[in-house]
N, C-alpha and C. Protein backbone atom coordinates (compact mmCIF):
# COMPACT_ATOMS: atom_id res chain seq x y z
N MET A 1 0.85 -1.18 0.00
CA MET A 1 0.00 0.00 0.00
C MET A 1 0.90 1.24 0.00
N ILE A 2 0.59 2.18 -0.88
CA ILE A 2 1.40 3.40 -0.97
C ILE A 2 1.16 4.26 0.27
N ASN A 3 2.23 4.84 0.78
CA ASN A 3 2.18 5.65 1.98
C ASN A 3 1.76 7.07 1.63
N PRO A 4 0.61 7.54 2.12
CA PRO A 4 0.14 8.90 1.79
C PRO A 4 1.13 9.98 2.24
N LYS A 5 1.84 9.76 3.33
CA LYS A 5 2.85 10.74 3.79
C LYS A 5 4.00 10.83 2.80
N HIS A 6 4.37 9.69 2.21
CA HIS A 6 5.42 9.67 1.19
C HIS A 6 5.00 10.52 0.00
N ILE A 7 3.77 10.30 -0.47
CA ILE A 7 3.27 11.05 -1.62
C ILE A 7 3.20 12.54 -1.31
N GLU A 8 2.74 12.89 -0.13
CA GLU A 8 2.64 14.30 0.26
C GLU A 8 4.01 14.97 0.24
N GLU A 9 5.01 14.32 0.81
CA GLU A 9 6.36 14.89 0.82
C GLU A 9 7.00 14.87 -0.57
N LEU A 10 6.72 13.82 -1.34
CA LEU A 10 7.23 13.73 -2.70
C LEU A 10 6.71 14.87 -3.55
N ILE A 11 5.42 15.17 -3.44
CA ILE A 11 4.83 16.26 -4.21
C ILE A 11 5.49 17.59 -3.86
N LYS A 12 5.77 17.82 -2.59
CA LYS A 12 6.49 19.05 -2.19
C LYS A 12 7.87 19.09 -2.84
N LEU A 13 8.56 17.96 -2.84
CA LEU A 13 9.90 17.88 -3.43
C LEU A 13 9.84 18.14 -4.93
N ILE A 14 8.90 17.51 -5.61
CA ILE A 14 8.75 17.70 -7.06
C ILE A 14 8.48 19.17 -7.37
N ASN A 15 7.53 19.77 -6.64
CA ASN A 15 7.16 21.16 -6.92
C ASN A 15 8.25 22.16 -6.60
N SER A 16 9.22 21.76 -5.78
CA SER A 16 10.33 22.67 -5.47
C SER A 16 11.49 22.51 -6.45
N SER A 17 11.38 21.55 -7.38
CA SER A 17 12.48 21.32 -8.33
C SER A 17 12.61 22.48 -9.31
N PRO A 18 13.84 22.75 -9.75
CA PRO A 18 14.07 23.89 -10.64
C PRO A 18 13.24 23.88 -11.93
N TYR A 19 13.11 22.72 -12.57
CA TYR A 19 12.38 22.69 -13.84
C TYR A 19 10.89 22.94 -13.65
N TYR A 20 10.32 22.36 -12.61
CA TYR A 20 8.90 22.61 -12.33
C TYR A 20 8.68 24.08 -12.03
N GLN A 21 9.60 24.68 -11.29
CA GLN A 21 9.45 26.10 -10.99
C GLN A 21 9.67 26.96 -12.23
N LEU A 22 10.61 26.57 -13.08
CA LEU A 22 10.85 27.31 -14.32
C LEU A 22 9.59 27.38 -15.17
N LEU A 23 8.92 26.24 -15.31
CA LEU A 23 7.71 26.19 -16.14
C LEU A 23 6.43 26.51 -15.36
N SER A 24 6.55 26.66 -14.04
CA SER A 24 5.37 26.88 -13.17
C SER A 24 4.41 25.71 -13.21
N MET A 25 4.95 24.50 -13.38
CA MET A 25 4.14 23.28 -13.31
C MET A 25 3.91 22.97 -11.84
N VAL A 26 2.70 22.53 -11.52
CA VAL A 26 2.38 22.19 -10.14
C VAL A 26 1.81 20.77 -10.09
N MET A 27 2.58 19.88 -9.47
CA MET A 27 2.09 18.52 -9.27
C MET A 27 0.98 18.58 -8.24
N GLN A 28 -0.18 18.04 -8.58
CA GLN A 28 -1.32 18.05 -7.67
C GLN A 28 -1.51 16.72 -6.97
N ASP A 29 -1.34 15.62 -7.71
CA ASP A 29 -1.63 14.33 -7.12
C ASP A 29 -0.87 13.23 -7.85
N ILE A 30 -0.48 12.22 -7.08
CA ILE A 30 0.16 11.02 -7.61
C ILE A 30 -0.48 9.85 -6.89
N GLY A 31 -0.85 8.83 -7.65
CA GLY A 31 -1.43 7.63 -7.05
C GLY A 31 -1.10 6.42 -7.88
N ILE A 32 -1.68 5.31 -7.53
CA ILE A 32 -1.44 4.08 -8.27
C ILE A 32 -2.02 4.23 -9.69
N GLY A 33 -1.11 4.36 -10.66
CA GLY A 33 -1.51 4.42 -12.06
C GLY A 33 -1.92 5.78 -12.59
N TYR A 34 -1.71 6.84 -11.81
CA TYR A 34 -2.11 8.17 -12.31
C TYR A 34 -1.28 9.29 -11.68
N SER A 35 -1.32 10.43 -12.33
CA SER A 35 -0.76 11.68 -11.79
C SER A 35 -1.56 12.84 -12.38
N THR A 36 -1.55 13.96 -11.67
CA THR A 36 -2.24 15.16 -12.13
C THR A 36 -1.35 16.37 -11.91
N ILE A 37 -1.18 17.15 -12.97
CA ILE A 37 -0.36 18.37 -12.93
C ILE A 37 -1.22 19.52 -13.43
N HIS A 38 -1.03 20.70 -12.83
CA HIS A 38 -1.71 21.92 -13.28
C HIS A 38 -0.67 22.94 -13.75
N LEU A 39 -1.09 23.75 -14.69
CA LEU A 39 -0.24 24.84 -15.16
C LEU A 39 -1.13 26.01 -15.55
N ASP A 40 -0.82 27.19 -15.02
CA ASP A 40 -1.48 28.43 -15.43
C ASP A 40 -0.59 29.04 -16.51
N LEU A 41 -1.12 29.12 -17.72
CA LEU A 41 -0.34 29.64 -18.83
C LEU A 41 0.07 31.08 -18.57
N ALA A 42 1.34 31.36 -18.79
CA ALA A 42 1.90 32.71 -18.59
C ALA A 42 2.65 33.11 -19.85
N THR A 43 3.05 34.35 -19.91
CA THR A 43 3.78 34.88 -21.07
C THR A 43 5.02 34.04 -21.37
N LYS A 44 5.69 33.54 -20.34
CA LYS A 44 6.91 32.77 -20.56
C LYS A 44 6.67 31.45 -21.30
N HIS A 45 5.43 31.00 -21.38
CA HIS A 45 5.09 29.76 -22.07
C HIS A 45 4.76 29.98 -23.55
N LEU A 46 4.74 31.23 -23.99
CA LEU A 46 4.29 31.55 -25.35
C LEU A 46 5.44 31.60 -26.35
N SER A 47 5.13 31.21 -27.57
CA SER A 47 6.07 31.30 -28.68
C SER A 47 6.07 32.74 -29.19
N PRO A 48 6.94 33.05 -30.17
CA PRO A 48 6.91 34.38 -30.76
C PRO A 48 5.56 34.73 -31.39
N TYR A 49 4.75 33.71 -31.67
CA TYR A 49 3.43 33.93 -32.27
C TYR A 49 2.36 34.17 -31.21
N GLN A 50 2.80 34.27 -29.95
CA GLN A 50 1.91 34.56 -28.82
C GLN A 50 0.88 33.46 -28.55
N ALA A 51 1.27 32.22 -28.84
CA ALA A 51 0.48 31.04 -28.48
C ALA A 51 1.43 30.08 -27.78
N ILE A 52 0.89 29.09 -27.12
CA ILE A 52 1.74 28.18 -26.34
C ILE A 52 2.83 27.56 -27.21
N GLN A 53 4.03 27.52 -26.67
CA GLN A 53 5.17 26.87 -27.32
C GLN A 53 4.96 25.36 -27.20
N GLY A 54 5.10 24.62 -28.28
CA GLY A 54 4.84 23.19 -28.29
C GLY A 54 5.67 22.40 -27.28
N GLY A 55 6.85 22.88 -26.97
CA GLY A 55 7.69 22.20 -25.99
C GLY A 55 7.08 22.15 -24.60
N VAL A 56 6.19 23.09 -24.30
CA VAL A 56 5.50 23.08 -23.01
C VAL A 56 4.62 21.83 -22.94
N TYR A 57 3.90 21.54 -24.02
CA TYR A 57 3.09 20.32 -24.06
C TYR A 57 3.97 19.09 -23.84
N SER A 58 5.11 19.05 -24.50
CA SER A 58 6.02 17.91 -24.37
C SER A 58 6.48 17.72 -22.94
N SER A 59 6.85 18.82 -22.29
CA SER A 59 7.30 18.74 -20.90
C SER A 59 6.20 18.24 -19.98
N LEU A 60 4.99 18.74 -20.19
CA LEU A 60 3.87 18.34 -19.35
C LEU A 60 3.52 16.86 -19.54
N ILE A 61 3.52 16.39 -20.77
CA ILE A 61 3.21 14.98 -21.05
C ILE A 61 4.30 14.08 -20.49
N ASP A 62 5.55 14.46 -20.67
CA ASP A 62 6.66 13.68 -20.14
C ASP A 62 6.55 13.55 -18.62
N ALA A 63 6.30 14.66 -17.94
CA ALA A 63 6.22 14.65 -16.47
C ALA A 63 5.03 13.85 -15.96
N ALA A 64 3.87 14.06 -16.54
CA ALA A 64 2.67 13.35 -16.07
C ALA A 64 2.78 11.84 -16.31
N ALA A 65 3.33 11.45 -17.45
CA ALA A 65 3.50 10.02 -17.74
C ALA A 65 4.50 9.40 -16.77
N TYR A 66 5.59 10.08 -16.53
CA TYR A 66 6.62 9.59 -15.61
C TYR A 66 6.03 9.28 -14.24
N TRP A 67 5.33 10.24 -13.66
CA TRP A 67 4.81 10.08 -12.31
C TRP A 67 3.60 9.15 -12.25
N ALA A 68 2.96 8.87 -13.38
CA ALA A 68 1.82 7.94 -13.39
C ALA A 68 2.25 6.51 -13.11
N VAL A 69 3.51 6.17 -13.41
CA VAL A 69 3.97 4.80 -13.15
C VAL A 69 4.78 4.69 -11.87
N TYR A 70 5.19 5.80 -11.31
CA TYR A 70 6.07 5.80 -10.14
C TYR A 70 5.56 4.94 -8.97
N SER A 71 4.32 5.06 -8.63
CA SER A 71 3.78 4.41 -7.43
C SER A 71 3.81 2.89 -7.48
N GLU A 72 3.98 2.31 -8.66
CA GLU A 72 3.96 0.86 -8.77
C GLU A 72 5.36 0.23 -8.81
N LEU A 73 6.38 1.06 -8.71
CA LEU A 73 7.75 0.56 -8.74
C LEU A 73 8.28 0.36 -7.33
N ASP A 74 9.20 -0.60 -7.17
CA ASP A 74 9.80 -0.76 -5.85
C ASP A 74 10.69 0.44 -5.55
N PRO A 75 10.94 0.72 -4.27
CA PRO A 75 11.67 1.94 -3.89
C PRO A 75 13.10 2.03 -4.44
N GLU A 76 13.71 0.91 -4.78
CA GLU A 76 15.09 0.94 -5.30
C GLU A 76 15.14 1.18 -6.80
N SER A 77 13.99 1.23 -7.43
CA SER A 77 13.94 1.44 -8.88
C SER A 77 13.86 2.92 -9.21
N GLY A 78 14.43 3.25 -10.34
CA GLY A 78 14.32 4.59 -10.88
C GLY A 78 13.71 4.50 -12.27
N LEU A 79 13.52 5.65 -12.88
CA LEU A 79 12.95 5.71 -14.23
C LEU A 79 13.74 6.68 -15.08
N ILE A 80 13.89 6.34 -16.34
CA ILE A 80 14.49 7.23 -17.32
C ILE A 80 13.58 7.24 -18.54
N THR A 81 13.19 8.41 -18.99
CA THR A 81 12.35 8.53 -20.18
C THR A 81 13.15 8.07 -21.40
N MET A 82 12.57 7.14 -22.14
CA MET A 82 13.20 6.67 -23.37
C MET A 82 12.71 7.46 -24.57
N ASP A 83 11.42 7.74 -24.60
CA ASP A 83 10.88 8.57 -25.67
C ASP A 83 9.55 9.15 -25.24
N VAL A 84 9.18 10.21 -25.89
CA VAL A 84 7.90 10.87 -25.65
C VAL A 84 7.29 11.16 -27.02
N THR A 85 6.03 10.78 -27.17
CA THR A 85 5.28 11.10 -28.39
C THR A 85 4.20 12.11 -28.01
N VAL A 86 4.13 13.19 -28.76
CA VAL A 86 3.19 14.26 -28.44
C VAL A 86 2.34 14.57 -29.66
N HIS A 87 1.04 14.63 -29.45
CA HIS A 87 0.11 15.03 -30.50
C HIS A 87 -0.47 16.38 -30.08
N ASN A 88 0.01 17.44 -30.73
CA ASN A 88 -0.53 18.77 -30.47
C ASN A 88 -1.86 18.88 -31.21
N LEU A 89 -2.94 19.07 -30.48
CA LEU A 89 -4.26 19.05 -31.08
C LEU A 89 -4.91 20.42 -31.17
N ALA A 90 -4.52 21.33 -30.28
CA ALA A 90 -5.08 22.68 -30.30
C ALA A 90 -4.12 23.61 -29.60
N SER A 91 -4.16 24.85 -29.97
CA SER A 91 -3.31 25.86 -29.35
C SER A 91 -4.10 26.62 -28.29
N ILE A 92 -3.39 27.31 -27.45
CA ILE A 92 -4.01 28.10 -26.39
C ILE A 92 -3.12 29.32 -26.15
N LYS A 93 -3.73 30.44 -25.82
CA LYS A 93 -2.97 31.67 -25.58
C LYS A 93 -3.02 32.10 -24.12
N SER A 94 -3.99 31.59 -23.38
CA SER A 94 -4.11 31.92 -21.96
C SER A 94 -4.99 30.88 -21.29
N GLY A 95 -4.94 30.86 -19.99
CA GLY A 95 -5.82 29.96 -19.24
C GLY A 95 -5.08 28.93 -18.41
N LYS A 96 -5.85 28.07 -17.82
CA LYS A 96 -5.33 27.02 -16.95
C LYS A 96 -5.44 25.69 -17.67
N MET A 97 -4.42 24.85 -17.45
CA MET A 97 -4.41 23.52 -18.04
C MET A 97 -4.27 22.47 -16.96
N THR A 98 -4.88 21.33 -17.20
CA THR A 98 -4.73 20.17 -16.34
C THR A 98 -4.17 19.04 -17.18
N VAL A 99 -3.17 18.37 -16.64
CA VAL A 99 -2.54 17.25 -17.32
C VAL A 99 -2.80 16.01 -16.49
N LYS A 100 -3.38 15.01 -17.13
CA LYS A 100 -3.68 13.76 -16.43
C LYS A 100 -2.84 12.65 -17.04
N GLY A 101 -1.94 12.12 -16.21
CA GLY A 101 -1.11 10.99 -16.62
C GLY A 101 -1.79 9.70 -16.22
N LYS A 102 -1.64 8.68 -17.04
CA LYS A 102 -2.27 7.39 -16.77
C LYS A 102 -1.32 6.26 -17.18
N ARG A 103 -1.13 5.33 -16.28
CA ARG A 103 -0.30 4.18 -16.57
C ARG A 103 -1.01 3.27 -17.57
N ILE A 104 -0.26 2.82 -18.55
CA ILE A 104 -0.78 1.82 -19.48
C ILE A 104 -0.24 0.45 -19.06
N LYS A 105 1.09 0.36 -18.87
CA LYS A 105 1.70 -0.90 -18.43
C LYS A 105 2.96 -0.61 -17.64
N VAL A 106 3.11 -1.33 -16.55
CA VAL A 106 4.34 -1.29 -15.76
C VAL A 106 4.97 -2.67 -15.87
N GLY A 107 6.12 -2.71 -16.52
CA GLY A 107 6.84 -3.97 -16.67
C GLY A 107 8.10 -3.98 -15.81
N ARG A 108 8.85 -5.07 -15.88
CA ARG A 108 10.09 -5.16 -15.10
C ARG A 108 11.17 -4.22 -15.62
N THR A 109 11.18 -3.99 -16.94
CA THR A 109 12.22 -3.13 -17.51
C THR A 109 11.68 -1.94 -18.30
N ILE A 110 10.46 -2.05 -18.80
CA ILE A 110 9.86 -0.97 -19.60
C ILE A 110 8.47 -0.66 -19.07
N CYS A 111 8.17 0.63 -18.99
CA CYS A 111 6.82 1.08 -18.61
C CYS A 111 6.28 1.94 -19.74
N LEU A 112 4.97 1.96 -19.87
CA LEU A 112 4.32 2.80 -20.86
C LEU A 112 3.19 3.56 -20.17
N ALA A 113 3.15 4.87 -20.42
CA ALA A 113 2.10 5.71 -19.84
C ALA A 113 1.67 6.73 -20.87
N GLU A 114 0.49 7.29 -20.65
CA GLU A 114 -0.02 8.32 -21.54
C GLU A 114 -0.45 9.52 -20.71
N ALA A 115 -0.64 10.64 -21.39
CA ALA A 115 -1.11 11.84 -20.70
C ALA A 115 -1.95 12.67 -21.66
N THR A 116 -2.92 13.37 -21.08
CA THR A 116 -3.80 14.25 -21.83
C THR A 116 -3.79 15.62 -21.17
N ILE A 117 -3.69 16.66 -21.99
CA ILE A 117 -3.72 18.04 -21.50
C ILE A 117 -5.04 18.65 -21.92
N GLU A 118 -5.74 19.23 -20.93
CA GLU A 118 -7.05 19.83 -21.18
C GLU A 118 -7.13 21.23 -20.58
N THR A 119 -8.05 22.02 -21.14
CA THR A 119 -8.37 23.32 -20.53
C THR A 119 -9.33 23.07 -19.37
N GLN A 120 -9.61 24.11 -18.62
CA GLN A 120 -10.58 24.00 -17.52
C GLN A 120 -11.95 23.57 -18.03
N GLU A 121 -12.26 23.91 -19.26
CA GLU A 121 -13.55 23.57 -19.84
C GLU A 121 -13.58 22.16 -20.42
N GLY A 122 -12.45 21.46 -20.37
CA GLY A 122 -12.40 20.09 -20.86
C GLY A 122 -11.99 19.95 -22.31
N ARG A 123 -11.57 21.02 -22.94
CA ARG A 123 -11.10 20.97 -24.34
C ARG A 123 -9.72 20.31 -24.36
N ILE A 124 -9.56 19.28 -25.17
CA ILE A 124 -8.27 18.58 -25.24
C ILE A 124 -7.31 19.37 -26.12
N LEU A 125 -6.15 19.68 -25.53
CA LEU A 125 -5.12 20.46 -26.23
C LEU A 125 -4.02 19.58 -26.81
N ALA A 126 -3.67 18.54 -26.08
CA ALA A 126 -2.60 17.64 -26.53
C ALA A 126 -2.76 16.29 -25.84
N GLN A 127 -2.23 15.28 -26.50
CA GLN A 127 -2.25 13.93 -25.95
C GLN A 127 -0.93 13.30 -26.35
N GLY A 128 -0.43 12.42 -25.51
CA GLY A 128 0.82 11.77 -25.85
C GLY A 128 1.10 10.58 -24.97
N SER A 129 2.25 9.97 -25.21
CA SER A 129 2.66 8.82 -24.42
C SER A 129 4.16 8.87 -24.20
N SER A 130 4.58 8.07 -23.23
CA SER A 130 6.00 8.01 -22.92
C SER A 130 6.37 6.57 -22.58
N LYS A 131 7.51 6.15 -23.12
CA LYS A 131 8.09 4.86 -22.78
C LYS A 131 9.23 5.13 -21.82
N LEU A 132 9.22 4.41 -20.69
CA LEU A 132 10.18 4.66 -19.62
C LEU A 132 10.98 3.40 -19.31
N LEU A 133 12.27 3.57 -19.08
CA LEU A 133 13.16 2.48 -18.72
C LEU A 133 13.23 2.39 -17.20
N VAL A 134 12.98 1.22 -16.66
CA VAL A 134 13.11 0.99 -15.22
C VAL A 134 14.58 0.68 -14.94
N THR A 135 15.16 1.41 -14.01
CA THR A 135 16.56 1.21 -13.64
C THR A 135 16.64 0.70 -12.20
N GLN A 136 17.73 0.05 -11.89
CA GLN A 136 17.97 -0.38 -10.52
C GLN A 136 19.12 0.45 -9.96
N GLY A 137 18.81 1.26 -8.96
CA GLY A 137 19.84 2.06 -8.30
C GLY A 137 20.25 3.32 -9.05
N LEU A 138 19.54 3.67 -10.10
CA LEU A 138 19.87 4.86 -10.89
C LEU A 138 18.63 5.75 -10.97
N GLN A 139 18.79 7.01 -10.63
CA GLN A 139 17.69 7.98 -10.62
C GLN A 139 16.53 7.51 -9.73
N THR A 140 16.90 7.04 -8.55
CA THR A 140 15.89 6.60 -7.59
C THR A 140 15.35 7.80 -6.83
N ILE A 141 14.25 7.60 -6.14
CA ILE A 141 13.66 8.67 -5.36
C ILE A 141 14.56 9.02 -4.18
N GLU A 142 15.26 8.04 -3.65
CA GLU A 142 16.20 8.30 -2.55
C GLU A 142 17.32 9.24 -3.03
N GLN A 143 17.80 9.03 -4.24
CA GLN A 143 18.83 9.91 -4.81
C GLN A 143 18.28 11.32 -5.01
N LEU A 144 17.04 11.42 -5.47
CA LEU A 144 16.40 12.73 -5.65
C LEU A 144 16.31 13.46 -4.31
N ALA A 145 15.85 12.76 -3.29
CA ALA A 145 15.72 13.37 -1.97
C ALA A 145 17.09 13.81 -1.45
N SER A 146 18.09 12.98 -1.65
CA SER A 146 19.45 13.30 -1.20
C SER A 146 19.98 14.57 -1.87
N LEU A 147 19.68 14.76 -3.15
CA LEU A 147 20.11 15.98 -3.85
C LEU A 147 19.48 17.23 -3.23
N SER A 148 18.33 17.05 -2.61
CA SER A 148 17.64 18.18 -1.96
C SER A 148 17.88 18.20 -0.45
N ASN A 149 18.86 17.40 0.00
CA ASN A 149 19.20 17.33 1.42
C ASN A 149 17.98 17.03 2.29
N THR A 150 17.20 16.05 1.88
CA THR A 150 16.02 15.67 2.64
C THR A 150 15.86 14.16 2.58
N THR A 151 14.93 13.67 3.33
CA THR A 151 14.54 12.26 3.26
C THR A 151 13.02 12.21 3.14
N LEU A 152 12.55 11.12 2.60
CA LEU A 152 11.11 10.93 2.46
C LEU A 152 10.66 9.79 3.36
N PRO A 153 9.41 9.84 3.82
CA PRO A 153 8.88 8.69 4.54
C PRO A 153 8.91 7.46 3.63
N PRO A 154 8.84 6.26 4.18
CA PRO A 154 8.84 5.05 3.34
C PRO A 154 7.75 5.12 2.28
N LYS A 155 8.06 4.57 1.11
CA LYS A 155 7.12 4.61 -0.02
C LYS A 155 5.90 3.74 0.25
N PHE A 156 6.11 2.60 0.86
CA PHE A 156 5.01 1.67 1.10
C PHE A 156 4.82 1.44 2.60
N ILE A 157 3.59 1.20 2.99
CA ILE A 157 3.29 0.80 4.36
C ILE A 157 2.66 -0.59 4.30
N PRO A 158 2.96 -1.39 5.29
CA PRO A 158 2.41 -2.76 5.26
C PRO A 158 0.88 -2.74 5.28
N GLY A 159 0.29 -3.61 4.50
CA GLY A 159 -1.16 -3.73 4.46
C GLY A 159 -1.67 -4.55 5.64
N PRO A 160 -2.98 -4.57 5.84
CA PRO A 160 -3.54 -5.32 6.97
C PRO A 160 -3.37 -6.82 6.82
């Protein structure tokens, strides 16, 4: 069973990371097989044409897919993105976006997840998927916490 205290502290750690702060991405929730990220579109996210830069969609899909599989891996495992496929379906110039990551398959060495980006009104802006490599002892959550000079509560708690 996933430890809610672990997830709570993990979300704080993720949201304090430089890249999340650079893009103003906010991790809202992580659970078994899913993740949710929010982003309020700002001027820094716009291309010279004053519409969202496509790379923002890529970053959001990559992040949501990554965290959608996290909860099902053992604590000594890490993840490395192997590829990200992004389908830009609509542009946006302002507003709030929600990104929902969903696990498709968690394997011993390869994971597959997808993510959808929507406006507050439910309009789909982009959809994509990510293939992730499961590593042992590389890019683990413990290493992430150590880089931030912190520790996290145990990932799992014993079930009844």
